[in-house]
Amino acid sequence: MREHQVKCLLMGGQACVLYGAAEFSRGTDLAILASEENAERLMKAIQALEAEVIAVPPFLLQHLDAGHAVHFRCRHPEAAGMRVDVITCLLVSRAPHPGIAA
């Protein structure tokens, strides 16, 4: 992602590993900046990883803008089998938490 200058935030298990947690994760979770230019950079990075979409929806900015994640599986020998999940926004539930009074 850095090589292709993708504007993104590393999240999930890999972020925990980066900060020293004893976590194991086979996937990489990224929140990306939702712009056409950044989506093009991401596609170049995904192509370099020889990754393909493994679930619906297809990689289109409109799906990401709607709050959907796009899931990829890498085929490049240095990242074979690694999963990359991409989102552009974090959706917040408006439902009250069971332990918190409304």
PDB file of N, CA and C in Angstrom:
ATOM      1  N   MET A   1       0.827  -1.173   0.000  1.00  0.00           N
ATOM      2  CA  MET A   1       0.000   0.000   0.000  1.00  0.00           C
ATOM      3  C   MET A   1       0.883   1.253   0.000  1.00  0.00           C
ATOM      4  N   ARG A   2       1.934   1.197   0.785  1.00  0.00           N
ATOM      5  CA  ARG A   2       2.831   2.347   0.860  1.00  0.00           C
ATOM      6  C   ARG A   2       3.486   2.611  -0.503  1.00  0.00           C
ATOM      7  N   GLU A   3       3.931   1.546  -1.158  1.00  0.00           N
ATOM      8  CA  GLU A   3       4.589   1.681  -2.461  1.00  0.00           C
ATOM      9  C   GLU A   3       3.683   2.368  -3.485  1.00  0.00           C
ATOM     10  N   HIS A   4       2.384   2.129  -3.387  1.00  0.00           N
ATOM     11  CA  HIS A   4       1.425   2.702  -4.332  1.00  0.00           C
ATOM     12  C   HIS A   4       0.738   3.951  -3.774  1.00  0.00           C
ATOM     13  N   GLN A   5       1.200   4.401  -2.605  1.00  0.00           N
ATOM     14  CA  GLN A   5       0.715   5.627  -1.962  1.00  0.00           C
ATOM     15  C   GLN A   5      -0.800   5.607  -1.719  1.00  0.00           C
ATOM     16  N   VAL A   6      -1.297   4.440  -1.295  1.00  0.00           N
ATOM     17  CA  VAL A   6      -2.710   4.323  -0.956  1.00  0.00           C
ATOM     18  C   VAL A   6      -2.920   4.990   0.402  1.00  0.00           C
ATOM     19  N   LYS A   7      -3.872   5.895   0.465  1.00  0.00           N
ATOM     20  CA  LYS A   7      -4.197   6.555   1.735  1.00  0.00           C
ATOM     21  C   LYS A   7      -5.148   5.645   2.482  1.00  0.00           C
ATOM     22  N   CYS A   8      -4.620   5.004   3.547  1.00  0.00           N
ATOM     23  CA  CYS A   8      -5.409   4.012   4.262  1.00  0.00           C
ATOM     24  C   CYS A   8      -5.004   3.948   5.730  1.00  0.00           C
ATOM     25  N   LEU A   9      -5.854   3.305   6.491  1.00  0.00           N
ATOM     26  CA  LEU A   9      -5.628   3.081   7.911  1.00  0.00           C
ATOM     27  C   LEU A   9      -5.636   1.578   8.150  1.00  0.00           C
ATOM     28  N   LEU A  10      -4.563   1.054   8.736  1.00  0.00           N
ATOM     29  CA  LEU A  10      -4.486  -0.359   9.078  1.00  0.00           C
ATOM     30  C   LEU A  10      -5.295  -0.592  10.353  1.00  0.00           C
ATOM     31  N   MET A  11      -6.169  -1.598  10.314  1.00  0.00           N
ATOM     32  CA  MET A  11      -7.031  -1.883  11.461  1.00  0.00           C
ATOM     33  C   MET A  11      -6.957  -3.368  11.791  1.00  0.00           C
ATOM     34  N   GLY A  12      -7.675  -3.792  12.811  1.00  0.00           N
ATOM     35  CA  GLY A  12      -7.820  -5.203  13.127  1.00  0.00           C
ATOM     36  C   GLY A  12      -6.562  -5.854  13.676  1.00  0.00           C
ATOM     37  N   GLY A  13      -6.470  -7.172  13.465  1.00  0.00           N
ATOM     38  CA  GLY A  13      -5.387  -7.968  14.031  1.00  0.00           C
ATOM     39  C   GLY A  13      -4.001  -7.529  13.605  1.00  0.00           C
ATOM     40  N   GLN A  14      -3.818  -7.163  12.331  1.00  0.00           N
ATOM     41  CA  GLN A  14      -2.499  -6.725  11.876  1.00  0.00           C
ATOM     42  C   GLN A  14      -2.077  -5.429  12.554  1.00  0.00           C
ATOM     43  N   ALA A  15      -3.029  -4.542  12.831  1.00  0.00           N
ATOM     44  CA  ALA A  15      -2.708  -3.314  13.560  1.00  0.00           C
ATOM     45  C   ALA A  15      -2.265  -3.664  14.980  1.00  0.00           C
ATOM     46  N   CYS A  16      -2.918  -4.641  15.591  1.00  0.00           N
ATOM     47  CA  CYS A  16      -2.520  -5.081  16.933  1.00  0.00           C
ATOM     48  C   CYS A  16      -1.101  -5.622  16.923  1.00  0.00           C
ATOM     49  N   VAL A  17      -0.780  -6.428  15.914  1.00  0.00           N
ATOM     50  CA  VAL A  17       0.570  -6.982  15.783  1.00  0.00           C
ATOM     51  C   VAL A  17       1.581  -5.846  15.628  1.00  0.00           C
ATOM     52  N   LEU A  18       1.259  -4.864  14.804  1.00  0.00           N
ATOM     53  CA  LEU A  18       2.157  -3.727  14.587  1.00  0.00           C
ATOM     54  C   LEU A  18       2.480  -3.012  15.896  1.00  0.00           C
ATOM     55  N   TYR A  19       1.498  -2.932  16.784  1.00  0.00           N
ATOM     56  CA  TYR A  19       1.695  -2.258  18.069  1.00  0.00           C
ATOM     57  C   TYR A  19       2.170  -3.193  19.174  1.00  0.00           C
ATOM     58  N   GLY A  20       2.507  -4.429  18.820  1.00  0.00           N
ATOM     59  CA  GLY A  20       3.147  -5.334  19.766  1.00  0.00           C
ATOM     60  C   GLY A  20       2.252  -6.322  20.477  1.00  0.00           C
ATOM     61  N   ALA A  21       1.001  -6.417  20.108  1.00  0.00           N
ATOM     62  CA  ALA A  21       0.112  -7.382  20.757  1.00  0.00           C
ATOM     63  C   ALA A  21       0.436  -8.796  20.286  1.00  0.00           C
ATOM     64  N   ALA A  22       0.174  -9.740  21.139  1.00  0.00           N
ATOM     65  CA  ALA A  22       0.383 -11.149  20.794  1.00  0.00           C
ATOM     66  C   ALA A  22      -0.871 -11.657  20.083  1.00  0.00           C
ATOM     67  N   GLU A  23      -1.100 -11.135  18.918  1.00  0.00           N
ATOM     68  CA  GLU A  23      -2.305 -11.429  18.136  1.00  0.00           C
ATOM     69  C   GLU A  23      -1.857 -12.131  16.858  1.00  0.00           C
ATOM     70  N   PHE A  24      -2.673 -13.026  16.346  1.00  0.00           N
ATOM     71  CA  PHE A  24      -2.358 -13.657  15.067  1.00  0.00           C
ATOM     72  C   PHE A  24      -3.508 -13.392  14.117  1.00  0.00           C
ATOM     73  N   SER A  25      -3.173 -12.912  12.953  1.00  0.00           N
ATOM     74  CA  SER A  25      -4.204 -12.611  11.970  1.00  0.00           C
ATOM     75  C   SER A  25      -3.707 -13.001  10.592  1.00  0.00           C
ATOM     76  N   ARG A  26      -4.545 -13.664   9.833  1.00  0.00           N
ATOM     77  CA  ARG A  26      -4.199 -14.035   8.462  1.00  0.00           C
ATOM     78  C   ARG A  26      -4.704 -13.006   7.461  1.00  0.00           C
ATOM     79  N   GLY A  27      -5.371 -11.992   7.950  1.00  0.00           N
ATOM     80  CA  GLY A  27      -5.937 -10.988   7.052  1.00  0.00           C
ATOM     81  C   GLY A  27      -5.469  -9.597   7.402  1.00  0.00           C
ATOM     82  N   THR A  28      -5.677  -8.706   6.459  1.00  0.00           N
ATOM     83  CA  THR A  28      -5.345  -7.306   6.645  1.00  0.00           C
ATOM     84  C   THR A  28      -6.620  -6.503   6.423  1.00  0.00           C
ATOM     85  N   ASP A  29      -6.967  -5.691   7.403  1.00  0.00           N
ATOM     86  CA  ASP A  29      -8.166  -4.860   7.331  1.00  0.00           C
ATOM     87  C   ASP A  29      -7.744  -3.415   7.113  1.00  0.00           C
ATOM     88  N   LEU A  30      -8.261  -2.811   6.053  1.00  0.00           N
ATOM     89  CA  LEU A  30      -7.902  -1.439   5.714  1.00  0.00           C
ATOM     90  C   LEU A  30      -9.137  -0.567   5.556  1.00  0.00           C
ATOM     91  N   ALA A  31      -9.067   0.627   6.108  1.00  0.00           N
ATOM     92  CA  ALA A  31     -10.055   1.669   5.813  1.00  0.00           C
ATOM     93  C   ALA A  31      -9.335   2.629   4.883  1.00  0.00           C
ATOM     94  N   ILE A  32      -9.893   2.853   3.690  1.00  0.00           N
ATOM     95  CA  ILE A  32      -9.224   3.712   2.720  1.00  0.00           C
ATOM     96  C   ILE A  32      -9.980   5.021   2.550  1.00  0.00           C
ATOM     97  N   LEU A  33      -9.261   6.044   2.108  1.00  0.00           N
ATOM     98  CA  LEU A  33      -9.878   7.304   1.750  1.00  0.00           C
ATOM     99  C   LEU A  33     -10.720   7.071   0.503  1.00  0.00           C
ATOM    100  N   ALA A  34     -11.988   7.464   0.549  1.00  0.00           N
ATOM    101  CA  ALA A  34     -12.929   7.215  -0.553  1.00  0.00           C
ATOM    102  C   ALA A  34     -12.808   8.291  -1.618  1.00  0.00           C
ATOM    103  N   SER A  35     -11.860   8.108  -2.528  1.00  0.00           N
ATOM    104  CA  SER A  35     -11.726   9.007  -3.674  1.00  0.00           C
ATOM    105  C   SER A  35     -11.360   8.173  -4.883  1.00  0.00           C
ATOM    106  N   GLU A  36     -11.707   8.664  -6.061  1.00  0.00           N
ATOM    107  CA  GLU A  36     -11.373   7.935  -7.297  1.00  0.00           C
ATOM    108  C   GLU A  36      -9.869   7.716  -7.407  1.00  0.00           C
ATOM    109  N   GLU A  37      -9.101   8.757  -7.119  1.00  0.00           N
ATOM    110  CA  GLU A  37      -7.640   8.670  -7.224  1.00  0.00           C
ATOM    111  C   GLU A  37      -7.089   7.606  -6.271  1.00  0.00           C
ATOM    112  N   ASN A  38      -7.575   7.581  -5.045  1.00  0.00           N
ATOM    113  CA  ASN A  38      -7.097   6.602  -4.076  1.00  0.00           C
ATOM    114  C   ASN A  38      -7.552   5.191  -4.442  1.00  0.00           C
ATOM    115  N   ALA A  39      -8.755   5.061  -4.983  1.00  0.00           N
ATOM    116  CA  ALA A  39      -9.245   3.755  -5.427  1.00  0.00           C
ATOM    117  C   ALA A  39      -8.367   3.217  -6.565  1.00  0.00           C
ATOM    118  N   GLU A  40      -7.920   4.094  -7.448  1.00  0.00           N
ATOM    119  CA  GLU A  40      -7.014   3.676  -8.524  1.00  0.00           C
ATOM    120  C   GLU A  40      -5.683   3.200  -7.949  1.00  0.00           C
ATOM    121  N   ARG A  41      -5.172   3.909  -6.943  1.00  0.00           N
ATOM    122  CA  ARG A  41      -3.922   3.491  -6.285  1.00  0.00           C
ATOM    123  C   ARG A  41      -4.111   2.128  -5.623  1.00  0.00           C
ATOM    124  N   LEU A  42      -5.252   1.960  -4.962  1.00  0.00           N
ATOM    125  CA  LEU A  42      -5.528   0.684  -4.313  1.00  0.00           C
ATOM    126  C   LEU A  42      -5.559  -0.439  -5.345  1.00  0.00           C
ATOM    127  N   MET A  43      -6.204  -0.209  -6.489  1.00  0.00           N
ATOM    128  CA  MET A  43      -6.262  -1.253  -7.521  1.00  0.00           C
ATOM    129  C   MET A  43      -4.867  -1.628  -8.005  1.00  0.00           C
ATOM    130  N   LYS A  44      -3.967  -0.662  -8.124  1.00  0.00           N
ATOM    131  CA  LYS A  44      -2.588  -0.970  -8.526  1.00  0.00           C
ATOM    132  C   LYS A  44      -1.912  -1.831  -7.470  1.00  0.00           C
ATOM    133  N   ALA A  45      -2.142  -1.508  -6.210  1.00  0.00           N
ATOM    134  CA  ALA A  45      -1.561  -2.297  -5.117  1.00  0.00           C
ATOM    135  C   ALA A  45      -2.154  -3.710  -5.108  1.00  0.00           C
ATOM    136  N   ILE A  46      -3.459  -3.818  -5.309  1.00  0.00           N
ATOM    137  CA  ILE A  46      -4.132  -5.122  -5.342  1.00  0.00           C
ATOM    138  C   ILE A  46      -3.612  -5.954  -6.513  1.00  0.00           C
ATOM    139  N   GLN A  47      -3.407  -5.314  -7.663  1.00  0.00           N
ATOM    140  CA  GLN A  47      -2.863  -6.020  -8.829  1.00  0.00           C
ATOM    141  C   GLN A  47      -1.445  -6.504  -8.551  1.00  0.00           C
ATOM    142  N   ALA A  48      -0.641  -5.699  -7.856  1.00  0.00           N
ATOM    143  CA  ALA A  48       0.724  -6.099  -7.517  1.00  0.00           C
ATOM    144  C   ALA A  48       0.723  -7.307  -6.580  1.00  0.00           C
ATOM    145  N   LEU A  49      -0.304  -7.417  -5.744  1.00  0.00           N
ATOM    146  CA  LEU A  49      -0.442  -8.566  -4.847  1.00  0.00           C
ATOM    147  C   LEU A  49      -1.087  -9.765  -5.546  1.00  0.00           C
ATOM    148  N   GLU A  50      -1.440  -9.582  -6.827  1.00  0.00           N
ATOM    149  CA  GLU A  50      -2.123 -10.620  -7.601  1.00  0.00           C
ATOM    150  C   GLU A  50      -3.381 -11.085  -6.864  1.00  0.00           C
ATOM    151  N   ALA A  51      -4.110 -10.114  -6.325  1.00  0.00           N
ATOM    152  CA  ALA A  51      -5.299 -10.422  -5.533  1.00  0.00           C
ATOM    153  C   ALA A  51      -6.552 -10.356  -6.395  1.00  0.00           C
ATOM    154  N   GLU A  52      -7.551 -11.101  -5.962  1.00  0.00           N
ATOM    155  CA  GLU A  52      -8.841 -11.093  -6.649  1.00  0.00           C
ATOM    156  C   GLU A  52      -9.955 -11.005  -5.627  1.00  0.00           C
ATOM    157  N   VAL A  53     -11.067 -10.440  -6.038  1.00  0.00           N
ATOM    158  CA  VAL A  53     -12.231 -10.338  -5.163  1.00  0.00           C
ATOM    159  C   VAL A  53     -12.731 -11.750  -4.877  1.00  0.00           C
ATOM    160  N   ILE A  54     -12.995 -12.047  -3.596  1.00  0.00           N
ATOM    161  CA  ILE A  54     -13.427 -13.397  -3.224  1.00  0.00           C
ATOM    162  C   ILE A  54     -14.867 -13.461  -2.746  1.00  0.00           C
ATOM    163  N   ALA A  55     -15.521 -12.337  -2.636  1.00  0.00           N
ATOM    164  CA  ALA A  55     -16.918 -12.321  -2.188  1.00  0.00           C
ATOM    165  C   ALA A  55     -17.593 -11.100  -2.802  1.00  0.00           C
ATOM    166  N   VAL A  56     -18.909 -11.053  -2.704  1.00  0.00           N
ATOM    167  CA  VAL A  56     -19.618  -9.878  -3.194  1.00  0.00           C
ATOM    168  C   VAL A  56     -19.538  -8.803  -2.128  1.00  0.00           C
ATOM    169  N   PRO A  57     -19.549  -7.562  -2.474  1.00  0.00           N
ATOM    170  CA  PRO A  57     -19.756  -6.990  -3.793  1.00  0.00           C
ATOM    171  C   PRO A  57     -18.445  -6.867  -4.554  1.00  0.00           C
ATOM    172  N   PRO A  58     -18.527  -6.542  -5.858  1.00  0.00           N
ATOM    173  CA  PRO A  58     -17.312  -6.297  -6.626  1.00  0.00           C
ATOM    174  C   PRO A  58     -16.641  -5.002  -6.155  1.00  0.00           C
ATOM    175  N   PHE A  59     -15.393  -4.811  -6.559  1.00  0.00           N
ATOM    176  CA  PHE A  59     -14.661  -3.616  -6.152  1.00  0.00           C
ATOM    177  C   PHE A  59     -15.134  -2.410  -6.960  1.00  0.00           C
ATOM    178  N   LEU A  60     -16.081  -1.691  -6.382  1.00  0.00           N
ATOM    179  CA  LEU A  60     -16.566  -0.429  -6.944  1.00  0.00           C
ATOM    180  C   LEU A  60     -16.698   0.554  -5.797  1.00  0.00           C
ATOM    181  N   LEU A  61     -16.279   1.799  -6.007  1.00  0.00           N
ATOM    182  CA  LEU A  61     -16.324   2.813  -4.971  1.00  0.00           C
ATOM    183  C   LEU A  61     -17.741   3.008  -4.438  1.00  0.00           C
ATOM    184  N   GLN A  62     -18.745   2.855  -5.288  1.00  0.00           N
ATOM    185  CA  GLN A  62     -20.127   3.047  -4.842  1.00  0.00           C
ATOM    186  C   GLN A  62     -20.514   2.042  -3.757  1.00  0.00           C
ATOM    187  N   HIS A  63     -19.995   0.812  -3.833  1.00  0.00           N
ATOM    188  CA  HIS A  63     -20.282  -0.178  -2.794  1.00  0.00           C
ATOM    189  C   HIS A  63     -19.581   0.184  -1.493  1.00  0.00           C
ATOM    190  N   LEU A  64     -18.340   0.644  -1.612  1.00  0.00           N
ATOM    191  CA  LEU A  64     -17.608   1.056  -0.422  1.00  0.00           C
ATOM    192  C   LEU A  64     -18.277   2.266   0.227  1.00  0.00           C
ATOM    193  N   ASP A  65     -18.709   3.221  -0.585  1.00  0.00           N
ATOM    194  CA  ASP A  65     -19.390   4.409  -0.060  1.00  0.00           C
ATOM    195  C   ASP A  65     -20.695   4.043   0.649  1.00  0.00           C
ATOM    196  N   ALA A  66     -21.326   2.956   0.238  1.00  0.00           N
ATOM    197  CA  ALA A  66     -22.573   2.510   0.855  1.00  0.00           C
ATOM    198  C   ALA A  66     -22.323   1.759   2.175  1.00  0.00           C
ATOM    199  N   GLY A  67     -21.052   1.594   2.535  1.00  0.00           N
ATOM    200  CA  GLY A  67     -20.722   0.937   3.797  1.00  0.00           C
ATOM    201  C   GLY A  67     -20.379  -0.528   3.691  1.00  0.00           C
ATOM    202  N   HIS A  68     -20.285  -1.049   2.467  1.00  0.00           N
ATOM    203  CA  HIS A  68     -19.940  -2.456   2.277  1.00  0.00           C
ATOM    204  C   HIS A  68     -18.426  -2.629   2.284  1.00  0.00           C
ATOM    205  N   ALA A  69     -17.982  -3.795   2.678  1.00  0.00           N
ATOM    206  CA  ALA A  69     -16.566  -4.150   2.592  1.00  0.00           C
ATOM    207  C   ALA A  69     -16.345  -4.937   1.305  1.00  0.00           C
ATOM    208  N   VAL A  70     -15.144  -4.817   0.753  1.00  0.00           N
ATOM    209  CA  VAL A  70     -14.747  -5.627  -0.400  1.00  0.00           C
ATOM    210  C   VAL A  70     -13.596  -6.514   0.072  1.00  0.00           C
ATOM    211  N   HIS A  71     -13.673  -7.796  -0.271  1.00  0.00           N
ATOM    212  CA  HIS A  71     -12.737  -8.793   0.238  1.00  0.00           C
ATOM    213  C   HIS A  71     -11.896  -9.367  -0.907  1.00  0.00           C
ATOM    214  N   PHE A  72     -10.592  -9.407  -0.689  1.00  0.00           N
ATOM    215  CA  PHE A  72      -9.647  -9.903  -1.689  1.00  0.00           C
ATOM    216  C   PHE A  72      -8.837 -11.053  -1.106  1.00  0.00           C
ATOM    217  N   ARG A  73      -8.338 -11.940  -1.979  1.00  0.00           N
ATOM    218  CA  ARG A  73      -7.388 -12.991  -1.597  1.00  0.00           C
ATOM    219  C   ARG A  73      -6.174 -12.816  -2.497  1.00  0.00           C
ATOM    220  N   CYS A  74      -4.988 -12.757  -1.865  1.00  0.00           N
ATOM    221  CA  CYS A  74      -3.729 -12.529  -2.593  1.00  0.00           C
ATOM    222  C   CYS A  74      -3.171 -13.840  -3.144  1.00  0.00           C
ATOM    223  N   ARG A  75      -2.573 -13.745  -4.319  1.00  0.00           N
ATOM    224  CA  ARG A  75      -1.957 -14.913  -4.966  1.00  0.00           C
ATOM    225  C   ARG A  75      -0.446 -14.742  -5.153  1.00  0.00           C
ATOM    226  N   HIS A  76       0.064 -13.532  -4.923  1.00  0.00           N
ATOM    227  CA  HIS A  76       1.508 -13.292  -5.073  1.00  0.00           C
ATOM    228  C   HIS A  76       2.256 -14.231  -4.127  1.00  0.00           C
ATOM    229  N   PRO A  77       3.369 -14.832  -4.577  1.00  0.00           N
ATOM    230  CA  PRO A  77       4.091 -15.791  -3.734  1.00  0.00           C
ATOM    231  C   PRO A  77       4.461 -15.258  -2.342  1.00  0.00           C
ATOM    232  N   GLU A  78       4.744 -13.971  -2.215  1.00  0.00           N
ATOM    233  CA  GLU A  78       5.130 -13.411  -0.920  1.00  0.00           C
ATOM    234  C   GLU A  78       3.926 -13.112  -0.025  1.00  0.00           C
ATOM    235  N   ALA A  79       2.726 -13.203  -0.567  1.00  0.00           N
ATOM    236  CA  ALA A  79       1.515 -12.919   0.217  1.00  0.00           C
ATOM    237  C   ALA A  79       0.431 -13.951  -0.064  1.00  0.00           C
ATOM    238  N   ALA A  80       0.818 -15.110  -0.574  1.00  0.00           N
ATOM    239  CA  ALA A  80      -0.149 -16.124  -1.003  1.00  0.00           C
ATOM    240  C   ALA A  80      -1.119 -16.489   0.109  1.00  0.00           C
ATOM    241  N   GLY A  81      -2.397 -16.411  -0.211  1.00  0.00           N
ATOM    242  CA  GLY A  81      -3.444 -16.777   0.730  1.00  0.00           C
ATOM    243  C   GLY A  81      -3.885 -15.664   1.655  1.00  0.00           C
ATOM    244  N   MET A  82      -3.126 -14.573   1.721  1.00  0.00           N
ATOM    245  CA  MET A  82      -3.496 -13.475   2.609  1.00  0.00           C
ATOM    246  C   MET A  82      -4.792 -12.837   2.143  1.00  0.00           C
ATOM    247  N   ARG A  83      -5.647 -12.519   3.088  1.00  0.00           N
ATOM    248  CA  ARG A  83      -6.908 -11.854   2.789  1.00  0.00           C
ATOM    249  C   ARG A  83      -6.757 -10.369   3.084  1.00  0.00           C
ATOM    250  N   VAL A  84      -7.313  -9.544   2.204  1.00  0.00           N
ATOM    251  CA  VAL A  84      -7.332  -8.095   2.401  1.00  0.00           C
ATOM    252  C   VAL A  84      -8.790  -7.656   2.348  1.00  0.00           C
ATOM    253  N   ASP A  85      -9.255  -7.043   3.430  1.00  0.00           N
ATOM    254  CA  ASP A  85     -10.619  -6.525   3.517  1.00  0.00           C
ATOM    255  C   ASP A  85     -10.545  -5.005   3.511  1.00  0.00           C
ATOM    256  N   VAL A  86     -11.347  -4.376   2.656  1.00  0.00           N
ATOM    257  CA  VAL A  86     -11.284  -2.927   2.463  1.00  0.00           C
ATOM    258  C   VAL A  86     -12.643  -2.302   2.747  1.00  0.00           C
ATOM    259  N   ILE A  87     -12.628  -1.206   3.508  1.00  0.00           N
ATOM    260  CA  ILE A  87     -13.820  -0.398   3.760  1.00  0.00           C
ATOM    261  C   ILE A  87     -13.449   1.072   3.569  1.00  0.00           C
ATOM    262  N   THR A  88     -14.457   1.930   3.482  1.00  0.00           N
ATOM    263  CA  THR A  88     -14.189   3.372   3.422  1.00  0.00           C
ATOM    264  C   THR A  88     -14.781   4.112   4.609  1.00  0.00           C
ATOM    265  N   CYS A  89     -15.693   3.462   5.312  1.00  0.00           N
ATOM    266  CA  CYS A  89     -16.298   4.141   6.460  1.00  0.00           C
ATOM    267  C   CYS A  89     -16.658   3.118   7.525  1.00  0.00           C
ATOM    268  N   LEU A  90     -16.675   3.593   8.750  1.00  0.00           N
ATOM    269  CA  LEU A  90     -17.088   2.751   9.863  1.00  0.00           C
ATOM    270  C   LEU A  90     -18.522   3.109  10.186  1.00  0.00           C
ATOM    271  N   LEU A  91     -19.394   2.136  10.105  1.00  0.00           N
ATOM    272  CA  LEU A  91     -20.793   2.382  10.413  1.00  0.00           C
ATOM    273  C   LEU A  91     -21.011   2.226  11.914  1.00  0.00           C
ATOM    274  N   VAL A  92     -21.688   3.166  12.490  1.00  0.00           N
ATOM    275  CA  VAL A  92     -21.942   3.150  13.920  1.00  0.00           C
ATOM    276  C   VAL A  92     -23.390   2.736  14.154  1.00  0.00           C
ATOM    277  N   SER A  93     -23.568   1.759  15.002  1.00  0.00           N
ATOM    278  CA  SER A  93     -24.924   1.307  15.325  1.00  0.00           C
ATOM    279  C   SER A  93     -25.602   2.340  16.205  1.00  0.00           C
ATOM    280  N   ARG A  94     -26.845   2.619  15.913  1.00  0.00           N
ATOM    281  CA  ARG A  94     -27.618   3.549  16.732  1.00  0.00           C
ATOM    282  C   ARG A  94     -28.347   2.813  17.856  1.00  0.00           C
ATOM    283  N   ALA A  95     -28.278   1.489  17.833  1.00  0.00           N
ATOM    284  CA  ALA A  95     -28.929   0.697  18.880  1.00  0.00           C
ATOM    285  C   ALA A  95     -28.153   0.853  20.187  1.00  0.00           C
ATOM    286  N   PRO A  96     -28.852   1.002  21.298  1.00  0.00           N
ATOM    287  CA  PRO A  96     -28.136   1.138  22.578  1.00  0.00           C
ATOM    288  C   PRO A  96     -27.435  -0.166  22.944  1.00  0.00           C
ATOM    289  N   HIS A  97     -26.312  -0.031  23.584  1.00  0.00           N
ATOM    290  CA  HIS A  97     -25.562  -1.195  24.072  1.00  0.00           C
ATOM    291  C   HIS A  97     -26.364  -1.797  25.230  1.00  0.00           C
ATOM    292  N   PRO A  98     -26.437  -3.141  25.326  1.00  0.00           N
ATOM    293  CA  PRO A  98     -27.256  -3.768  26.366  1.00  0.00           C
ATOM    294  C   PRO A  98     -26.880  -3.330  27.794  1.00  0.00           C
ATOM    295  N   GLY A  99     -25.620  -2.981  28.011  1.00  0.00           N
ATOM    296  CA  GLY A  99     -25.195  -2.609  29.360  1.00  0.00           C
ATOM    297  C   GLY A  99     -25.261  -1.133  29.655  1.00  0.00           C
ATOM    298  N   ILE A 100     -25.737  -0.333  28.691  1.00  0.00           N
ATOM    299  CA  ILE A 100     -25.760   1.113  28.865  1.00  0.00           C
ATOM    300  C   ILE A 100     -27.211   1.592  28.841  1.00  0.00           C
ATOM    301  N   ALA A 101     -27.578   2.351  29.842  1.00  0.00           N
ATOM    302  CA  ALA A 101     -28.951   2.894  29.894  1.00  0.00           C
ATOM    303  C   ALA A 101     -29.130   3.945  28.816  1.00  0.00           C
ATOM    304  N   ALA A 102     -30.298   3.925  28.179  1.00  0.00           N
ATOM    305  CA  ALA A 102     -30.575   4.884  27.106  1.00  0.00           C
ATOM    306  C   ALA A 102     -30.897   6.257  27.660  1.00  0.00           C
TER     307      ALA A 102
END
